[in-house]
Amino acid sequence: MQCIDLGLIRYAKADALQRAKLDEVAAGAEPTLYLLEHPPVITFGRNGGRENLHVSDEYLQAQGIDLVHSSRGGNITCHFPGQLVAYPVFRVAHQPGGMRGLFHDLEEVVIRTVAAFGLTAVRRDGFPGVWVENRKICSIGIAMRKWTSYHGLALNVQRDVNLFRMITLCGLSDAEPSSMAQELDRDDITMQEVKDELTRQFRTLFEDSPVAQGQDSL
């Protein structure tokens, strides 16, 4: 599995890179994991989310915040510096459970990553992503083309998650945004540390996985 750190990159540019890489991976190239941060952007998923945006398009433009309609699954979410985004461009097993298995494993990657820093996080039945009680620290939204995934997960690392105040998080009225720094009350966790651990967990779960390799499981 190839891991590429894109640093801080605008949403549209990262989307174009994923789509180009997707064609290569679907044709047999090495699965690729992109790690990055985005400048402030609010995105709508395939399930919409306009009704969960609390400010006008004009306000966002004045604040330098992009607004994007994305091909990923899910509702509304946002990205910003201090949030670690991971986009796995992986071939997915040609079976009904392939995409569900990928989603489950992305949640597991995050659960194991934050556990390495001393934070216990969990899944919530019926509520995608990774949570600490009703506080969401990671959103997940996947798209698929040619049996190959793109888009992925967004893990809130640093303390400032104020951009979420402009939306109803994932359309869930009782969900609160949180981050590793908030939950652990630590501001000394670096983005590089989390990238390194997340990469290690991706390699552990995916490098020999039929989901990552596009193989049919028995």
N, C-alpha and C. Protein backbone atom coordinates (compact mmCIF):
# COMPACT_ATOMS: atom_id res chain seq x y z
N MET A 1 0.83 -1.19 0.00
CA MET A 1 0.00 0.00 0.00
C MET A 1 0.87 1.24 0.00
N GLN A 2 0.62 2.13 -0.94
CA GLN A 2 1.36 3.38 -1.03
C GLN A 2 0.67 4.44 -0.17
N CYS A 3 1.44 5.13 0.66
CA CYS A 3 0.91 6.21 1.50
C CYS A 3 1.51 7.53 1.04
N ILE A 4 0.66 8.51 0.74
CA ILE A 4 1.10 9.80 0.24
C ILE A 4 0.55 10.90 1.13
N ASP A 5 1.43 11.74 1.67
CA ASP A 5 1.03 12.87 2.50
C ASP A 5 0.93 14.10 1.60
N LEU A 6 -0.28 14.61 1.44
CA LEU A 6 -0.52 15.77 0.58
C LEU A 6 -0.45 17.08 1.32
N GLY A 7 -0.26 17.04 2.64
CA GLY A 7 -0.21 18.29 3.41
C GLY A 7 -1.55 19.00 3.40
N LEU A 8 -1.52 20.33 3.32
CA LEU A 8 -2.75 21.14 3.27
C LEU A 8 -3.13 21.34 1.81
N ILE A 9 -4.31 20.88 1.43
CA ILE A 9 -4.71 20.89 0.03
C ILE A 9 -6.20 21.16 -0.09
N ARG A 10 -6.58 21.95 -1.07
CA ARG A 10 -8.00 22.28 -1.25
C ARG A 10 -8.79 21.04 -1.65
N TYR A 11 -10.05 21.05 -1.28
CA TYR A 11 -10.91 19.88 -1.47
C TYR A 11 -10.99 19.48 -2.94
N ALA A 12 -11.19 20.44 -3.83
CA ALA A 12 -11.35 20.12 -5.25
C ALA A 12 -10.09 19.49 -5.82
N LYS A 13 -8.93 19.97 -5.42
CA LYS A 13 -7.68 19.41 -5.93
C LYS A 13 -7.49 17.98 -5.44
N ALA A 14 -7.78 17.74 -4.16
CA ALA A 14 -7.67 16.38 -3.62
C ALA A 14 -8.66 15.44 -4.30
N ASP A 15 -9.85 15.93 -4.60
CA ASP A 15 -10.84 15.11 -5.29
C ASP A 15 -10.33 14.71 -6.67
N ALA A 16 -9.73 15.65 -7.39
CA ALA A 16 -9.21 15.35 -8.72
C ALA A 16 -8.08 14.32 -8.65
N LEU A 17 -7.20 14.44 -7.64
CA LEU A 17 -6.12 13.48 -7.48
C LEU A 17 -6.66 12.07 -7.21
N GLN A 18 -7.68 12.00 -6.36
CA GLN A 18 -8.29 10.69 -6.07
C GLN A 18 -8.88 10.05 -7.31
N ARG A 19 -9.59 10.84 -8.10
CA ARG A 19 -10.25 10.29 -9.28
C ARG A 19 -9.24 9.78 -10.30
N ALA A 20 -8.13 10.51 -10.44
CA ALA A 20 -7.09 10.07 -11.36
C ALA A 20 -6.44 8.78 -10.85
N LYS A 21 -6.15 8.74 -9.55
CA LYS A 21 -5.55 7.55 -8.95
C LYS A 21 -6.51 6.36 -9.00
N LEU A 22 -7.80 6.62 -8.87
CA LEU A 22 -8.79 5.56 -8.88
C LEU A 22 -8.71 4.76 -10.17
N ASP A 23 -8.58 5.43 -11.30
CA ASP A 23 -8.49 4.72 -12.57
C ASP A 23 -7.26 3.82 -12.61
N GLU A 24 -6.15 4.28 -12.03
CA GLU A 24 -4.94 3.48 -12.00
C GLU A 24 -5.11 2.26 -11.09
N VAL A 25 -5.67 2.49 -9.91
CA VAL A 25 -5.84 1.39 -8.94
C VAL A 25 -6.84 0.37 -9.48
N ALA A 26 -7.92 0.85 -10.08
CA ALA A 26 -8.92 -0.07 -10.64
C ALA A 26 -8.31 -0.94 -11.73
N ALA A 27 -7.29 -0.41 -12.41
CA ALA A 27 -6.62 -1.15 -13.48
C ALA A 27 -5.51 -2.06 -12.96
N GLY A 28 -5.27 -2.06 -11.64
CA GLY A 28 -4.31 -2.97 -11.06
C GLY A 28 -3.14 -2.35 -10.35
N ALA A 29 -3.07 -1.02 -10.30
CA ALA A 29 -1.97 -0.35 -9.60
C ALA A 29 -2.10 -0.54 -8.09
N GLU A 30 -1.04 -0.19 -7.38
CA GLU A 30 -0.99 -0.37 -5.93
C GLU A 30 -2.05 0.47 -5.23
N PRO A 31 -2.79 -0.09 -4.27
CA PRO A 31 -3.73 0.71 -3.49
C PRO A 31 -3.01 1.88 -2.83
N THR A 32 -3.69 3.02 -2.76
CA THR A 32 -3.05 4.25 -2.30
C THR A 32 -3.87 4.91 -1.20
N LEU A 33 -3.18 5.33 -0.15
CA LEU A 33 -3.79 6.07 0.95
C LEU A 33 -3.25 7.49 0.94
N TYR A 34 -4.16 8.46 0.80
CA TYR A 34 -3.78 9.86 0.87
C TYR A 34 -4.08 10.38 2.28
N LEU A 35 -3.11 11.06 2.89
CA LEU A 35 -3.28 11.75 4.16
C LEU A 35 -3.15 13.24 3.92
N LEU A 36 -4.01 14.03 4.56
CA LEU A 36 -4.03 15.45 4.25
C LEU A 36 -4.85 16.23 5.26
N GLU A 37 -4.78 17.55 5.13
CA GLU A 37 -5.71 18.47 5.78
C GLU A 37 -6.31 19.36 4.70
N HIS A 38 -7.52 19.84 4.95
CA HIS A 38 -8.16 20.76 4.02
C HIS A 38 -8.26 22.16 4.63
N PRO A 39 -8.11 23.21 3.83
CA PRO A 39 -8.57 24.53 4.29
C PRO A 39 -10.07 24.44 4.60
N PRO A 40 -10.63 25.41 5.33
CA PRO A 40 -12.03 25.30 5.74
C PRO A 40 -12.98 25.08 4.56
N VAL A 41 -13.79 24.02 4.67
CA VAL A 41 -14.75 23.67 3.63
C VAL A 41 -15.91 22.93 4.27
N ILE A 42 -17.11 23.21 3.81
CA ILE A 42 -18.31 22.47 4.20
C ILE A 42 -18.78 21.68 2.99
N THR A 43 -19.07 20.39 3.20
CA THR A 43 -19.45 19.55 2.08
C THR A 43 -20.80 18.88 2.33
N PHE A 44 -21.57 18.74 1.26
CA PHE A 44 -22.80 17.97 1.27
C PHE A 44 -22.51 16.61 0.65
N GLY A 45 -23.04 15.54 1.25
CA GLY A 45 -22.87 14.21 0.69
C GLY A 45 -24.00 13.85 -0.25
N ARG A 46 -24.05 12.61 -0.67
CA ARG A 46 -25.10 12.16 -1.59
C ARG A 46 -26.48 12.23 -0.94
N ASN A 47 -26.53 12.22 0.39
CA ASN A 47 -27.81 12.33 1.09
C ASN A 47 -28.24 13.78 1.31
N GLY A 48 -27.52 14.71 0.69
CA GLY A 48 -27.90 16.12 0.81
C GLY A 48 -27.30 16.77 2.03
N GLY A 49 -28.09 17.63 2.70
CA GLY A 49 -27.62 18.30 3.89
C GLY A 49 -27.81 19.80 3.89
N ARG A 50 -28.33 20.35 2.80
CA ARG A 50 -28.53 21.81 2.74
C ARG A 50 -29.37 22.31 3.91
N GLU A 51 -30.35 21.52 4.32
CA GLU A 51 -31.23 21.94 5.42
C GLU A 51 -30.49 22.00 6.76
N ASN A 52 -29.30 21.41 6.83
CA ASN A 52 -28.53 21.40 8.07
C ASN A 52 -27.39 22.42 8.08
N LEU A 53 -27.40 23.32 7.10
CA LEU A 53 -26.44 24.42 7.05
C LEU A 53 -27.09 25.65 7.67
N HIS A 54 -26.43 26.27 8.66
CA HIS A 54 -27.04 27.34 9.44
C HIS A 54 -26.64 28.75 9.00
N VAL A 55 -25.81 28.86 7.99
CA VAL A 55 -25.37 30.17 7.51
C VAL A 55 -25.57 30.23 6.01
N SER A 56 -25.52 31.43 5.47
CA SER A 56 -25.76 31.61 4.04
C SER A 56 -24.50 31.32 3.23
N ASP A 57 -24.70 31.06 1.94
CA ASP A 57 -23.57 30.88 1.04
C ASP A 57 -22.71 32.14 1.00
N GLU A 58 -23.38 33.28 1.07
CA GLU A 58 -22.65 34.55 1.02
C GLU A 58 -21.76 34.72 2.25
N TYR A 59 -22.26 34.30 3.41
CA TYR A 59 -21.44 34.38 4.63
C TYR A 59 -20.22 33.49 4.50
N LEU A 60 -20.41 32.29 4.01
CA LEU A 60 -19.28 31.38 3.85
C LEU A 60 -18.25 31.96 2.89
N GLN A 61 -18.71 32.52 1.80
CA GLN A 61 -17.79 33.11 0.84
C GLN A 61 -17.00 34.25 1.47
N ALA A 62 -17.67 35.08 2.27
CA ALA A 62 -16.99 36.20 2.92
C ALA A 62 -15.95 35.73 3.92
N GLN A 63 -16.18 34.56 4.50
CA GLN A 63 -15.24 33.99 5.48
C GLN A 63 -14.16 33.13 4.83
N GLY A 64 -14.20 33.00 3.51
CA GLY A 64 -13.22 32.18 2.82
C GLY A 64 -13.42 30.70 3.01
N ILE A 65 -14.67 30.28 3.26
CA ILE A 65 -15.00 28.87 3.48
C ILE A 65 -15.67 28.33 2.23
N ASP A 66 -15.09 27.29 1.64
CA ASP A 66 -15.67 26.68 0.44
C ASP A 66 -16.92 25.88 0.79
N LEU A 67 -17.80 25.75 -0.20
CA LEU A 67 -19.01 24.94 -0.07
C LEU A 67 -19.05 24.01 -1.28
N VAL A 68 -19.11 22.70 -1.01
CA VAL A 68 -18.92 21.70 -2.07
C VAL A 68 -20.00 20.63 -1.99
N HIS A 69 -20.51 20.23 -3.15
CA HIS A 69 -21.35 19.03 -3.25
C HIS A 69 -20.44 17.87 -3.60
N SER A 70 -20.37 16.89 -2.71
CA SER A 70 -19.43 15.79 -2.84
C SER A 70 -20.12 14.52 -3.32
N SER A 71 -19.36 13.62 -3.91
CA SER A 71 -19.90 12.33 -4.35
C SER A 71 -19.87 11.28 -3.25
N ARG A 72 -19.35 11.62 -2.06
CA ARG A 72 -19.30 10.65 -0.97
C ARG A 72 -20.69 10.38 -0.41
N GLY A 73 -20.80 9.31 0.34
CA GLY A 73 -22.04 9.03 1.05
C GLY A 73 -22.19 9.95 2.26
N GLY A 74 -23.37 9.93 2.84
CA GLY A 74 -23.60 10.70 4.07
C GLY A 74 -24.25 12.04 3.82
N ASN A 75 -24.29 12.82 4.89
CA ASN A 75 -24.97 14.11 4.91
C ASN A 75 -23.93 15.22 4.93
N ILE A 76 -24.17 16.26 5.67
CA ILE A 76 -23.28 17.42 5.71
C ILE A 76 -22.14 17.19 6.70
N THR A 77 -20.97 17.68 6.36
CA THR A 77 -19.85 17.70 7.31
C THR A 77 -18.92 18.84 6.93
N CYS A 78 -17.83 18.98 7.65
CA CYS A 78 -16.88 20.03 7.33
C CYS A 78 -15.45 19.57 7.59
N HIS A 79 -14.52 20.24 6.94
CA HIS A 79 -13.09 19.96 7.08
C HIS A 79 -12.36 21.27 7.33
N PHE A 80 -11.19 21.15 7.99
CA PHE A 80 -10.45 22.35 8.40
C PHE A 80 -9.07 21.92 8.87
N PRO A 81 -8.11 22.84 8.89
CA PRO A 81 -6.80 22.50 9.45
C PRO A 81 -6.93 22.05 10.90
N GLY A 82 -6.17 21.02 11.26
CA GLY A 82 -6.30 20.43 12.58
C GLY A 82 -7.14 19.18 12.58
N GLN A 83 -7.74 18.87 11.43
CA GLN A 83 -8.50 17.64 11.23
C GLN A 83 -7.72 16.79 10.23
N LEU A 84 -7.45 15.54 10.59
CA LEU A 84 -6.72 14.63 9.71
C LEU A 84 -7.70 13.90 8.80
N VAL A 85 -7.51 14.07 7.51
CA VAL A 85 -8.35 13.41 6.50
C VAL A 85 -7.54 12.29 5.87
N ALA A 86 -8.17 11.13 5.70
CA ALA A 86 -7.54 9.99 5.05
C ALA A 86 -8.45 9.51 3.93
N TYR A 87 -7.91 9.47 2.72
CA TYR A 87 -8.66 9.01 1.56
C TYR A 87 -8.04 7.72 1.03
N PRO A 88 -8.62 6.56 1.32
CA PRO A 88 -8.11 5.29 0.79
C PRO A 88 -8.66 5.01 -0.61
N VAL A 89 -7.79 4.94 -1.57
CA VAL A 89 -8.18 4.54 -2.92
C VAL A 89 -7.83 3.07 -3.05
N PHE A 90 -8.79 2.22 -2.70
CA PHE A 90 -8.58 0.77 -2.57
C PHE A 90 -9.55 0.03 -3.48
N ARG A 91 -9.09 -1.06 -4.07
CA ARG A 91 -10.00 -1.98 -4.74
C ARG A 91 -10.79 -2.72 -3.66
N VAL A 92 -12.07 -2.85 -3.90
CA VAL A 92 -12.96 -3.45 -2.90
C VAL A 92 -13.48 -4.78 -3.44
N ALA A 93 -13.59 -5.76 -2.54
CA ALA A 93 -14.00 -7.10 -2.93
C ALA A 93 -15.31 -7.09 -3.70
N HIS A 94 -15.39 -7.88 -4.77
CA HIS A 94 -16.59 -7.98 -5.59
C HIS A 94 -17.59 -8.90 -4.89
N GLN A 95 -18.17 -8.38 -3.82
CA GLN A 95 -19.15 -9.15 -3.07
C GLN A 95 -20.05 -8.16 -2.34
N PRO A 96 -21.28 -8.57 -1.97
CA PRO A 96 -22.22 -7.62 -1.37
C PRO A 96 -21.67 -6.92 -0.12
N GLY A 97 -20.85 -7.61 0.67
CA GLY A 97 -20.36 -7.01 1.91
C GLY A 97 -19.09 -6.20 1.75
N GLY A 98 -18.59 -6.06 0.55
CA GLY A 98 -17.30 -5.41 0.36
C GLY A 98 -17.23 -3.99 0.89
N MET A 99 -18.18 -3.17 0.50
CA MET A 99 -18.16 -1.78 0.93
C MET A 99 -18.49 -1.66 2.42
N ARG A 100 -19.41 -2.49 2.91
CA ARG A 100 -19.72 -2.47 4.34
C ARG A 100 -18.49 -2.88 5.15
N GLY A 101 -17.75 -3.87 4.64
CA GLY A 101 -16.53 -4.27 5.33
C GLY A 101 -15.49 -3.18 5.35
N LEU A 102 -15.37 -2.46 4.25
CA LEU A 102 -14.44 -1.33 4.20
C LEU A 102 -14.83 -0.28 5.23
N PHE A 103 -16.11 0.06 5.29
CA PHE A 103 -16.58 1.07 6.24
C PHE A 103 -16.26 0.65 7.67
N HIS A 104 -16.57 -0.60 7.99
CA HIS A 104 -16.31 -1.13 9.34
C HIS A 104 -14.82 -1.03 9.66
N ASP A 105 -13.97 -1.37 8.70
CA ASP A 105 -12.53 -1.34 8.95
C ASP A 105 -11.99 0.08 9.08
N LEU A 106 -12.59 1.04 8.37
CA LEU A 106 -12.18 2.43 8.56
C LEU A 106 -12.50 2.89 9.98
N GLU A 107 -13.67 2.53 10.47
CA GLU A 107 -13.99 2.83 11.87
C GLU A 107 -12.97 2.19 12.80
N GLU A 108 -12.61 0.94 12.52
CA GLU A 108 -11.65 0.22 13.37
C GLU A 108 -10.28 0.89 13.35
N VAL A 109 -9.84 1.35 12.20
CA VAL A 109 -8.56 2.07 12.11
C VAL A 109 -8.55 3.25 13.07
N VAL A 110 -9.64 4.01 13.09
CA VAL A 110 -9.71 5.19 13.96
C VAL A 110 -9.77 4.78 15.42
N ILE A 111 -10.59 3.79 15.74
CA ILE A 111 -10.70 3.34 17.13
C ILE A 111 -9.33 2.91 17.66
N ARG A 112 -8.58 2.17 16.86
CA ARG A 112 -7.25 1.73 17.28
C ARG A 112 -6.26 2.89 17.35
N THR A 113 -6.38 3.83 16.42
CA THR A 113 -5.47 4.97 16.41
C THR A 113 -5.62 5.80 17.67
N VAL A 114 -6.85 6.17 18.02
CA VAL A 114 -7.03 7.02 19.20
C VAL A 114 -6.72 6.24 20.47
N ALA A 115 -6.94 4.92 20.46
CA ALA A 115 -6.59 4.10 21.63
C ALA A 115 -5.10 4.15 21.92
N ALA A 116 -4.29 4.28 20.88
CA ALA A 116 -2.84 4.38 21.06
C ALA A 116 -2.44 5.64 21.82
N PHE A 117 -3.33 6.63 21.85
CA PHE A 117 -3.08 7.87 22.59
C PHE A 117 -3.83 7.89 23.93
N GLY A 118 -4.48 6.79 24.27
CA GLY A 118 -5.17 6.69 25.56
C GLY A 118 -6.63 7.06 25.53
N LEU A 119 -7.24 7.15 24.35
CA LEU A 119 -8.64 7.55 24.23
C LEU A 119 -9.49 6.35 23.78
N THR A 120 -10.53 6.08 24.54
CA THR A 120 -11.47 5.02 24.19
C THR A 120 -12.62 5.60 23.38
N ALA A 121 -12.76 5.13 22.15
CA ALA A 121 -13.84 5.57 21.27
C ALA A 121 -14.55 4.34 20.74
N VAL A 122 -15.78 4.53 20.27
CA VAL A 122 -16.62 3.38 19.91
C VAL A 122 -17.44 3.68 18.66
N ARG A 123 -18.05 2.61 18.13
CA ARG A 123 -19.12 2.74 17.15
C ARG A 123 -20.44 2.94 17.89
N ARG A 124 -21.40 3.56 17.21
CA ARG A 124 -22.78 3.64 17.72
C ARG A 124 -23.70 3.04 16.68
N ASP A 125 -24.49 2.06 17.08
CA ASP A 125 -25.39 1.41 16.13
C ASP A 125 -26.31 2.43 15.47
N GLY A 126 -26.32 2.42 14.15
CA GLY A 126 -27.18 3.32 13.40
C GLY A 126 -26.62 4.70 13.18
N PHE A 127 -25.42 4.98 13.74
CA PHE A 127 -24.82 6.30 13.60
C PHE A 127 -23.38 6.11 13.09
N PRO A 128 -23.15 6.25 11.81
CA PRO A 128 -21.81 5.99 11.26
C PRO A 128 -20.76 6.91 11.86
N GLY A 129 -19.52 6.45 11.84
CA GLY A 129 -18.40 7.22 12.36
C GLY A 129 -17.90 6.67 13.68
N VAL A 130 -17.10 7.47 14.35
CA VAL A 130 -16.48 7.06 15.62
C VAL A 130 -16.84 8.10 16.68
N TRP A 131 -17.18 7.62 17.87
CA TRP A 131 -17.81 8.45 18.89
C TRP A 131 -17.17 8.25 20.26
N VAL A 132 -17.30 9.28 21.10
CA VAL A 132 -17.09 9.19 22.54
C VAL A 132 -18.41 9.66 23.16
N GLU A 133 -19.21 8.71 23.60
CA GLU A 133 -20.60 8.96 24.02
C GLU A 133 -21.34 9.61 22.84
N ASN A 134 -21.93 10.81 23.02
CA ASN A 134 -22.63 11.43 21.89
C ASN A 134 -21.76 12.44 21.17
N ARG A 135 -20.47 12.39 21.42
CA ARG A 135 -19.54 13.34 20.81
C ARG A 135 -18.79 12.64 19.67
N LYS A 136 -18.91 13.22 18.50
CA LYS A 136 -18.33 12.60 17.31
C LYS A 136 -16.93 13.14 17.08
N ILE A 137 -15.97 12.23 16.98
CA ILE A 137 -14.59 12.65 16.71
C ILE A 137 -14.14 12.30 15.29
N CYS A 138 -14.92 11.46 14.61
CA CYS A 138 -14.54 11.08 13.25
C CYS A 138 -15.77 10.83 12.40
N SER A 139 -15.81 11.48 11.24
CA SER A 139 -16.86 11.24 10.26
C SER A 139 -16.29 10.38 9.13
N ILE A 140 -17.15 9.54 8.55
CA ILE A 140 -16.73 8.67 7.46
C ILE A 140 -17.75 8.75 6.34
N GLY A 141 -17.26 8.93 5.13
CA GLY A 141 -18.12 8.94 3.95
C GLY A 141 -17.33 8.40 2.77
N ILE A 142 -17.86 7.37 2.13
CA ILE A 142 -17.15 6.67 1.06
C ILE A 142 -17.91 6.83 -0.26
N ALA A 143 -17.15 6.89 -1.33
CA ALA A 143 -17.71 6.77 -2.67
C ALA A 143 -17.04 5.58 -3.35
N MET A 144 -17.69 5.07 -4.38
CA MET A 144 -17.17 3.89 -5.07
C MET A 144 -17.38 4.05 -6.57
N ARG A 145 -16.36 3.70 -7.34
CA ARG A 145 -16.46 3.63 -8.79
C ARG A 145 -15.50 2.56 -9.27
N LYS A 146 -15.94 1.75 -10.22
CA LYS A 146 -15.12 0.66 -10.75
C LYS A 146 -14.66 -0.28 -9.62
N TRP A 147 -15.53 -0.51 -8.64
CA TRP A 147 -15.21 -1.34 -7.49
C TRP A 147 -13.96 -0.84 -6.76
N THR A 148 -13.78 0.45 -6.77
CA THR A 148 -12.63 1.08 -6.11
C THR A 148 -13.14 2.25 -5.27
N SER A 149 -12.66 2.35 -4.03
CA SER A 149 -13.14 3.38 -3.11
C SER A 149 -12.37 4.68 -3.29
N TYR A 150 -13.05 5.76 -2.95
CA TYR A 150 -12.39 7.05 -2.74
C TYR A 150 -13.20 7.83 -1.70
N HIS A 151 -12.73 9.01 -1.36
CA HIS A 151 -13.16 9.70 -0.13
C HIS A 151 -12.79 8.82 1.07
N GLY A 152 -13.30 9.08 2.26
CA GLY A 152 -12.84 8.28 3.39
C GLY A 152 -13.25 8.82 4.74
N LEU A 153 -12.26 9.16 5.58
CA LEU A 153 -12.54 9.53 6.97
C LEU A 153 -11.90 10.87 7.32
N ALA A 154 -12.47 11.50 8.34
CA ALA A 154 -11.97 12.79 8.83
C ALA A 154 -11.95 12.73 10.35
N LEU A 155 -10.75 12.68 10.92
CA LEU A 155 -10.55 12.56 12.36
C LEU A 155 -10.16 13.91 12.94
N ASN A 156 -10.96 14.39 13.88
CA ASN A 156 -10.67 15.68 14.53
C ASN A 156 -9.54 15.49 15.54
N VAL A 157 -8.42 16.11 15.29
CA VAL A 157 -7.24 15.95 16.13
C VAL A 157 -7.09 17.11 17.10
N GLN A 158 -7.03 18.30 16.61
CA GLN A 158 -6.74 19.46 17.45
C GLN A 158 -8.02 20.05 18.04
N ARG A 159 -7.85 20.96 18.97
CA ARG A 159 -8.96 21.36 19.84
C ARG A 159 -10.07 22.13 19.13
N ASP A 160 -9.72 22.98 18.17
CA ASP A 160 -10.69 23.89 17.57
C ASP A 160 -11.55 23.15 16.54
N VAL A 161 -12.82 22.95 16.89
CA VAL A 161 -13.78 22.34 15.96
C VAL A 161 -14.96 23.28 15.72
N ASN A 162 -14.71 24.59 15.81
CA ASN A 162 -15.78 25.58 15.76
C ASN A 162 -16.50 25.63 14.42
N LEU A 163 -15.88 25.18 13.34
CA LEU A 163 -16.57 25.21 12.05
C LEU A 163 -17.83 24.36 12.10
N PHE A 164 -17.84 23.33 12.95
CA PHE A 164 -19.03 22.49 13.07
C PHE A 164 -20.22 23.26 13.61
N ARG A 165 -19.99 24.40 14.24
CA ARG A 165 -21.11 25.18 14.79
C ARG A 165 -21.97 25.76 13.68
N MET A 166 -21.48 25.77 12.45
CA MET A 166 -22.25 26.30 11.33
C MET A 166 -23.19 25.27 10.72
N ILE A 167 -23.14 24.03 11.23
CA ILE A 167 -23.97 22.98 10.67
C ILE A 167 -24.60 22.16 11.80
N THR A 168 -25.62 21.37 11.45
CA THR A 168 -26.07 20.28 12.31
C THR A 168 -25.26 19.07 11.90
N LEU A 169 -24.39 18.64 12.75
CA LEU A 169 -23.39 17.63 12.43
C LEU A 169 -24.03 16.36 11.88
N CYS A 170 -23.75 16.07 10.61
CA CYS A 170 -24.28 14.87 9.95
C CYS A 170 -25.80 14.81 9.98
N GLY A 171 -26.45 15.95 10.26
CA GLY A 171 -27.90 15.98 10.34
C GLY A 171 -28.47 15.41 11.63
N LEU A 172 -27.62 15.21 12.64
CA LEU A 172 -28.03 14.61 13.91
C LEU A 172 -28.14 15.69 14.98
N SER A 173 -29.34 15.97 15.44
CA SER A 173 -29.56 17.10 16.33
C SER A 173 -28.89 16.94 17.69
N ASP A 174 -28.67 15.68 18.13
CA ASP A 174 -28.09 15.49 19.46
C ASP A 174 -26.59 15.23 19.42
N ALA A 175 -25.97 15.30 18.24
CA ALA A 175 -24.54 15.01 18.13
C ALA A 175 -23.72 16.27 18.39
N GLU A 176 -22.65 16.10 19.13
CA GLU A 176 -21.73 17.20 19.41
C GLU A 176 -20.37 16.88 18.78
N PRO A 177 -19.71 17.88 18.20
CA PRO A 177 -18.37 17.64 17.68
C PRO A 177 -17.34 17.63 18.79
N SER A 178 -16.34 16.81 18.65
CA SER A 178 -15.24 16.80 19.60
C SER A 178 -13.97 16.44 18.86
N SER A 179 -12.87 16.31 19.61
CA SER A 179 -11.58 16.03 19.00
C SER A 179 -10.72 15.27 20.00
N MET A 180 -9.62 14.72 19.51
CA MET A 180 -8.69 14.05 20.39
C MET A 180 -8.17 15.00 21.46
N ALA A 181 -7.83 16.21 21.07
CA ALA A 181 -7.29 17.17 22.03
C ALA A 181 -8.30 17.51 23.12
N GLN A 182 -9.57 17.67 22.73
CA GLN A 182 -10.61 17.97 23.71
C GLN A 182 -10.82 16.80 24.66
N GLU A 183 -10.96 15.61 24.10
CA GLU A 183 -11.28 14.45 24.93
C GLU A 183 -10.14 14.09 25.89
N LEU A 184 -8.92 14.28 25.44
CA LEU A 184 -7.76 13.96 26.28
C LEU A 184 -7.26 15.15 27.07
N ASP A 185 -7.83 16.35 26.79
CA ASP A 185 -7.38 17.59 27.39
C ASP A 185 -5.86 17.75 27.22
N ARG A 186 -5.45 17.57 25.98
CA ARG A 186 -4.04 17.68 25.62
C ARG A 186 -3.91 18.50 24.34
N ASP A 187 -2.99 19.44 24.36
CA ASP A 187 -2.71 20.21 23.16
C ASP A 187 -1.33 19.92 22.59
N ASP A 188 -0.70 18.87 23.10
CA ASP A 188 0.66 18.54 22.65
C ASP A 188 0.69 17.40 21.65
N ILE A 189 -0.49 16.90 21.24
CA ILE A 189 -0.53 15.85 20.24
C ILE A 189 -0.32 16.49 18.87
N THR A 190 0.68 16.06 18.16
CA THR A 190 0.96 16.66 16.86
C THR A 190 0.24 15.90 15.75
N MET A 191 -0.02 16.62 14.67
CA MET A 191 -0.65 15.99 13.53
C MET A 191 0.24 14.87 12.98
N GLN A 192 1.54 15.05 13.00
CA GLN A 192 2.43 14.03 12.47
C GLN A 192 2.35 12.75 13.28
N GLU A 193 2.25 12.87 14.60
CA GLU A 193 2.11 11.68 15.45
C GLU A 193 0.86 10.89 15.07
N VAL A 194 -0.23 11.60 14.84
CA VAL A 194 -1.48 10.92 14.52
C VAL A 194 -1.41 10.33 13.11
N LYS A 195 -0.81 11.05 12.18
CA LYS A 195 -0.62 10.50 10.84
C LYS A 195 0.17 9.20 10.90
N ASP A 196 1.24 9.21 11.68
CA ASP A 196 2.10 8.01 11.76
C ASP A 196 1.32 6.83 12.33
N GLU A 197 0.54 7.08 13.39
CA GLU A 197 -0.21 5.99 14.00
C GLU A 197 -1.34 5.51 13.08
N LEU A 198 -2.04 6.46 12.46
CA LEU A 198 -3.11 6.08 11.54
C LEU A 198 -2.55 5.25 10.38
N THR A 199 -1.41 5.64 9.85
CA THR A 199 -0.79 4.87 8.77
C THR A 199 -0.44 3.46 9.24
N ARG A 200 0.10 3.35 10.45
CA ARG A 200 0.44 2.03 10.99
C ARG A 200 -0.80 1.15 11.10
N GLN A 201 -1.90 1.73 11.56
CA GLN A 201 -3.12 0.95 11.70
C GLN A 201 -3.71 0.58 10.34
N PHE A 202 -3.62 1.47 9.38
CA PHE A 202 -4.07 1.13 8.02
C PHE A 202 -3.27 -0.05 7.49
N ARG A 203 -1.95 -0.01 7.67
CA ARG A 203 -1.12 -1.10 7.17
C ARG A 203 -1.47 -2.41 7.88
N THR A 204 -1.70 -2.34 9.18
CA THR A 204 -2.04 -3.54 9.94
C THR A 204 -3.34 -4.17 9.44
N LEU A 205 -4.34 -3.34 9.18
CA LEU A 205 -5.66 -3.86 8.83
C LEU A 205 -5.84 -4.14 7.35
N PHE A 206 -5.12 -3.42 6.50
CA PHE A 206 -5.46 -3.45 5.08
C PHE A 206 -4.42 -4.07 4.15
N GLU A 207 -3.17 -4.11 4.52
CA GLU A 207 -2.18 -4.52 3.52
C GLU A 207 -2.38 -5.95 3.05
N ASP A 208 -2.86 -6.83 3.92
CA ASP A 208 -3.14 -8.21 3.50
C ASP A 208 -4.64 -8.50 3.47
N SER A 209 -5.44 -7.43 3.47
CA SER A 209 -6.89 -7.59 3.53
C SER A 209 -7.48 -7.83 2.16
N PRO A 210 -8.48 -8.73 2.02
CA PRO A 210 -9.16 -8.88 0.75
C PRO A 210 -9.90 -7.63 0.33
N VAL A 211 -10.31 -6.77 1.30
CA VAL A 211 -10.96 -5.52 0.94
C VAL A 211 -9.99 -4.62 0.20
N ALA A 212 -8.77 -4.47 0.75
CA ALA A 212 -7.80 -3.58 0.11
C ALA A 212 -7.30 -4.13 -1.21
N GLN A 213 -7.22 -5.46 -1.33
CA GLN A 213 -6.65 -6.05 -2.52
C GLN A 213 -7.70 -6.34 -3.61
N GLY A 214 -8.98 -6.14 -3.28
CA GLY A 214 -10.00 -6.39 -4.28
C GLY A 214 -10.25 -7.85 -4.54
N GLN A 215 -10.01 -8.70 -3.56
CA GLN A 215 -10.20 -10.14 -3.71
C GLN A 215 -11.57 -10.54 -3.17
N ASP A 216 -12.08 -11.61 -3.70
CA ASP A 216 -13.33 -12.16 -3.16
C ASP A 216 -13.04 -13.00 -1.94
N SER A 217 -13.75 -12.70 -0.83
CA SER A 217 -13.59 -13.48 0.39
C SER A 217 -14.52 -14.69 0.37
N LEU A 218 -14.13 -15.74 1.05
CA LEU A 218 -14.97 -16.93 1.16
C LEU A 218 -15.95 -16.74 2.31
